[in-house]
C-alpha atoms as a PDB file:
ATOM      1  CA  MET A   1       0.000   0.000   0.000  1.00  0.00           C
ATOM      2  CA  LYS A   2       2.768   2.432   0.952  1.00  0.00           C
ATOM      3  CA  LYS A   3       4.713   1.538  -2.191  1.00  0.00           C
ATOM      4  CA  SER A   4       1.778   2.231  -4.541  1.00  0.00           C
ATOM      5  CA  LEU A   5       1.063   5.513  -2.727  1.00  0.00           C
ATOM      6  CA  SER A   6       4.703   6.530  -3.208  1.00  0.00           C
ATOM      7  CA  VAL A   7       4.571   5.628  -6.901  1.00  0.00           C
ATOM      8  CA  MET A   8       1.362   7.669  -7.360  1.00  0.00           C
ATOM      9  CA  LEU A   9       2.894  10.625  -5.509  1.00  0.00           C
ATOM     10  CA  VAL A  10       6.042  10.550  -7.676  1.00  0.00           C
ATOM     11  CA  ALA A  11       3.972  10.225 -10.861  1.00  0.00           C
ATOM     12  CA  GLY A  12       1.781  13.146  -9.802  1.00  0.00           C
ATOM     13  CA  LEU A  13       4.770  15.349  -9.026  1.00  0.00           C
ATOM     14  CA  ALA A  14       6.361  14.452 -12.361  1.00  0.00           C
ATOM     15  CA  LEU A  15       3.160  15.428 -14.166  1.00  0.00           C
ATOM     16  CA  VAL A  16       2.866  18.756 -12.313  1.00  0.00           C
ATOM     17  CA  PHE A  17       6.566  19.542 -12.725  1.00  0.00           C
ATOM     18  CA  GLY A  18       6.597  18.612 -16.411  1.00  0.00           C
ATOM     19  CA  THR A  19       3.566  20.818 -17.116  1.00  0.00           C
ATOM     20  CA  ALA A  20       5.011  23.731 -15.154  1.00  0.00           C
ATOM     21  CA  VAL A  21       8.368  23.600 -16.919  1.00  0.00           C
ATOM     22  CA  GLY A  22       6.807  24.016 -20.365  1.00  0.00           C
ATOM     23  CA  ALA A  23       4.209  26.549 -19.241  1.00  0.00           C
ATOM     24  CA  GLY A  24       6.273  29.597 -20.089  1.00  0.00           C
ATOM     25  CA  THR A  25       7.809  28.652 -23.367  1.00  0.00           C
ATOM     26  CA  SER A  26       7.027  30.574 -26.502  1.00  0.00           C
ATOM     27  CA  ASP A  27       5.842  27.289 -28.056  1.00  0.00           C
ATOM     28  CA  ASN A  28       3.026  26.857 -25.551  1.00  0.00           C
ATOM     29  CA  PRO A  29       0.830  29.565 -23.964  1.00  0.00           C
ATOM     30  CA  GLY A  30       2.998  32.283 -25.475  1.00  0.00           C
ATOM     31  CA  LYS A  31       2.361  31.006 -28.980  1.00  0.00           C
ATOM     32  CA  ALA A  32      -1.349  30.687 -28.221  1.00  0.00           C
ATOM     33  CA  TRP A  33      -1.385  34.272 -26.903  1.00  0.00           C
ATOM     34  CA  LEU A  34       0.280  35.569 -30.070  1.00  0.00           C
ATOM     35  CA  ASP A  35      -1.954  33.447 -32.322  1.00  0.00           C
ATOM     36  CA  ALA A  36      -5.049  34.929 -30.631  1.00  0.00           C
ATOM     37  CA  GLN A  37      -4.161  38.362 -32.070  1.00  0.00           C
ATOM     38  CA  THR A  38      -5.673  37.947 -35.529  1.00  0.00           C
ATOM     39  CA  ASP A  39      -6.068  41.356 -37.179  1.00  0.00           C
ATOM     40  CA  PRO A  40      -3.954  42.069 -40.261  1.00  0.00           C
ATOM     41  CA  ALA A  41      -0.890  44.221 -39.599  1.00  0.00           C
ATOM     42  CA  ALA A  42      -1.536  47.936 -40.167  1.00  0.00           C
ATOM     43  CA  ILE A  43       2.006  48.991 -39.182  1.00  0.00           C
ATOM     44  CA  ASN A  44       5.568  47.792 -39.683  1.00  0.00           C
ATOM     45  CA  VAL A  45       7.829  47.885 -36.628  1.00  0.00           C
ATOM     46  CA  SER A  46      11.152  46.959 -38.253  1.00  0.00           C
ATOM     47  CA  GLY A  47      14.068  48.965 -36.955  1.00  0.00           C
ATOM     48  CA  THR A  48      16.012  49.864 -33.857  1.00  0.00           C
ATOM     49  CA  TRP A  49      13.989  51.087 -30.907  1.00  0.00           C
ATOM     50  CA  SER A  50      15.028  52.498 -27.537  1.00  0.00           C
ATOM     51  CA  SER A  51      13.303  52.740 -24.201  1.00  0.00           C
ATOM     52  CA  ALA A  52      14.251  53.910 -20.747  1.00  0.00           C
ATOM     53  CA  GLU A  53      12.570  50.815 -19.323  1.00  0.00           C
ATOM     54  CA  LEU A  54      14.145  47.990 -21.362  1.00  0.00           C
ATOM     55  CA  GLY A  55      17.005  49.616 -23.269  1.00  0.00           C
ATOM     56  CA  ASN A  56      17.619  49.205 -27.005  1.00  0.00           C
ATOM     57  CA  MET A  57      15.967  46.546 -29.104  1.00  0.00           C
ATOM     58  CA  SER A  58      16.109  45.568 -32.729  1.00  0.00           C
ATOM     59  CA  LEU A  59      12.878  44.390 -34.376  1.00  0.00           C
ATOM     60  CA  SER A  60      12.391  42.772 -37.769  1.00  0.00           C
ATOM     61  CA  GLN A  61       9.070  42.385 -39.593  1.00  0.00           C
ATOM     62  CA  ALA A  62       8.958  41.286 -43.235  1.00  0.00           C
ATOM     63  CA  HIS A  63       6.886  43.491 -45.536  1.00  0.00           C
ATOM     64  CA  GLY A  64       3.237  42.378 -45.408  1.00  0.00           C
ATOM     65  CA  SER A  65       3.871  39.983 -42.519  1.00  0.00           C
ATOM     66  CA  ARG A  66       2.426  40.041 -39.007  1.00  0.00           C
ATOM     67  CA  GLU A  67       5.332  38.125 -37.415  1.00  0.00           C
ATOM     68  CA  VAL A  68       8.040  40.036 -35.558  1.00  0.00           C
ATOM     69  CA  THR A  69      11.407  38.819 -34.307  1.00  0.00           C
ATOM     70  CA  GLY A  70      14.211  40.655 -32.606  1.00  0.00           C
ATOM     71  CA  ILE A  71      16.765  40.996 -29.857  1.00  0.00           C
ATOM     72  CA  ASN A  72      17.028  43.091 -26.704  1.00  0.00           C
ATOM     73  CA  GLY A  73      20.495  42.564 -25.267  1.00  0.00           C
ATOM     74  CA  SER A  74      20.592  38.851 -24.479  1.00  0.00           C
ATOM     75  CA  TYR A  75      16.802  38.509 -24.741  1.00  0.00           C
ATOM     76  CA  VAL A  76      15.053  37.018 -27.759  1.00  0.00           C
ATOM     77  CA  LEU A  77      11.918  38.823 -28.953  1.00  0.00           C
ATOM     78  CA  THR A  78       9.004  37.096 -30.667  1.00  0.00           C
ATOM     79  CA  GLY A  79       5.754  38.806 -31.523  1.00  0.00           C
ATOM     80  CA  VAL A  80       2.992  39.755 -33.895  1.00  0.00           C
ATOM     81  CA  VAL A  81       1.479  42.968 -35.128  1.00  0.00           C
ATOM     82  CA  SER A  82      -2.305  42.985 -35.002  1.00  0.00           C
ATOM     83  CA  ASP A  83      -3.828  46.140 -36.528  1.00  0.00           C
ATOM     84  CA  LYS A  84      -1.782  48.940 -34.905  1.00  0.00           C
ATOM     85  CA  GLN A  85      -0.677  46.950 -31.850  1.00  0.00           C
ATOM     86  CA  LEU A  86       2.515  45.021 -31.190  1.00  0.00           C
ATOM     87  CA  PHE A  87       2.230  41.929 -28.977  1.00  0.00           C
ATOM     88  CA  LEU A  88       5.671  40.853 -27.833  1.00  0.00           C
ATOM     89  CA  LEU A  89       7.192  37.973 -25.859  1.00  0.00           C
ATOM     90  CA  ILE A  90      10.565  38.663 -24.251  1.00  0.00           C
ATOM     91  CA  GLY A  91      12.517  35.538 -23.404  1.00  0.00           C
ATOM     92  CA  ASP A  92      15.628  33.498 -23.934  1.00  0.00           C
ATOM     93  CA  LYS A  93      16.951  31.291 -26.734  1.00  0.00           C
ATOM     94  CA  SER A  94      15.386  28.165 -25.227  1.00  0.00           C
ATOM     95  CA  GLY A  95      11.906  29.710 -25.475  1.00  0.00           C
ATOM     96  CA  ASP A  96      11.327  30.567 -21.817  1.00  0.00           C
ATOM     97  CA  VAL A  97       9.280  33.765 -21.558  1.00  0.00           C
ATOM     98  CA  TYR A  98      10.253  36.393 -18.958  1.00  0.00           C
ATOM     99  CA  LYS A  99       8.008  39.285 -19.966  1.00  0.00           C
ATOM    100  CA  CYS A 100       5.098  40.105 -22.268  1.00  0.00           C
ATOM    101  CA  ALA A 101       4.414  43.514 -23.812  1.00  0.00           C
ATOM    102  CA  ILE A 102       1.453  45.131 -25.536  1.00  0.00           C
ATOM    103  CA  LEU A 103       2.254  48.344 -27.381  1.00  0.00           C
ATOM    104  CA  ASN A 104       0.093  50.709 -29.423  1.00  0.00           C
ATOM    105  CA  SER A 105       1.380  52.683 -32.380  1.00  0.00           C
ATOM    106  CA  GLU A 106       1.606  56.429 -31.829  1.00  0.00           C
ATOM    107  CA  GLY A 107       2.863  57.268 -35.303  1.00  0.00           C
ATOM    108  CA  SER A 108       5.743  55.809 -37.266  1.00  0.00           C
ATOM    109  CA  ASP A 109       8.360  56.383 -34.570  1.00  0.00           C
ATOM    110  CA  SER A 110       6.609  55.730 -31.263  1.00  0.00           C
ATOM    111  CA  LEU A 111       5.069  52.708 -29.531  1.00  0.00           C
ATOM    112  CA  LYS A 112       3.485  53.055 -26.117  1.00  0.00           C
ATOM    113  CA  GLY A 113       1.927  50.528 -23.786  1.00  0.00           C
ATOM    114  CA  ASN A 114       2.862  48.193 -20.959  1.00  0.00           C
ATOM    115  CA  TYR A 115       5.097  45.245 -20.221  1.00  0.00           C
ATOM    116  CA  TYR A 116       4.180  42.495 -17.794  1.00  0.00           C
ATOM    117  CA  TYR A 117       6.331  40.124 -15.780  1.00  0.00           C
ATOM    118  CA  ARG A 118       5.744  36.453 -16.277  1.00  0.00           C
ATOM    119  CA  THR A 119       3.622  34.575 -13.763  1.00  0.00           C
ATOM    120  CA  SER A 120       5.335  31.959 -11.635  1.00  0.00           C
ATOM    121  CA  ARG A 121       5.822  28.539 -13.187  1.00  0.00           C
ATOM    122  CA  LEU A 122       3.257  27.052 -10.815  1.00  0.00           C
ATOM    123  CA  ASN A 123       0.547  29.650 -11.539  1.00  0.00           C
ATOM    124  CA  ARG A 124      -1.925  28.376 -14.100  1.00  0.00           C
ATOM    125  CA  GLY A 125      -3.755  31.725 -14.319  1.00  0.00           C
ATOM    126  CA  GLY A 126      -1.997  32.887 -17.460  1.00  0.00           C
ATOM    127  CA  LEU A 127       1.300  33.583 -19.127  1.00  0.00           C
ATOM    128  CA  CYS A 128       1.957  37.036 -17.689  1.00  0.00           C
ATOM    129  CA  GLN A 129       0.802  38.965 -14.659  1.00  0.00           C
ATOM    130  CA  ASP A 130      -2.125  41.374 -14.713  1.00  0.00           C
ATOM    131  CA  LYS A 131      -0.116  44.306 -13.343  1.00  0.00           C
ATOM    132  CA  GLY A 132       1.578  46.207 -16.164  1.00  0.00           C
ATOM    133  CA  TYR A 133       4.469  48.653 -16.167  1.00  0.00           C
ATOM    134  CA  PRO A 134       4.646  51.565 -18.635  1.00  0.00           C
ATOM    135  CA  LEU A 135       6.794  51.048 -21.718  1.00  0.00           C
ATOM    136  CA  HIS A 136       7.538  53.656 -24.366  1.00  0.00           C
ATOM    137  CA  LEU A 137       9.639  52.794 -27.421  1.00  0.00           C
ATOM    138  CA  LYS A 138      11.093  55.475 -29.682  1.00  0.00           C
ATOM    139  CA  LYS A 139      12.447  54.572 -33.117  1.00  0.00           C
ATOM    140  CA  GLN A 140      16.129  55.433 -33.632  1.00  0.00           C
END
């Protein structure tokens, strides 16, 4: 009886741990979050951008595409443009997400919105926290 209880406990922990580890990768909820933004792109965000909050970042968006990639120091950026909004995941090369950002276009050289820290790996409430921090990007 004790042995089967131990086996069930280990199996349960493995299931919870395995789910939590993949919960913040850009291939899981992050990809679903980006895919949920479905409007055609009305802006192009390619270029070098700077912000007091996150420093300099380089974004690339192919002409006519919604997909955005980029770098911010050692962070990898993955996102989509939906209408005049940029939805961005900020993470590492392995796909772990550290922050999310939602930015609105304020002309061709300004994006303004918020960034959000990632929820804990054990929180199943969503990819990023509800509390946002102001983020303003200016095109270089």
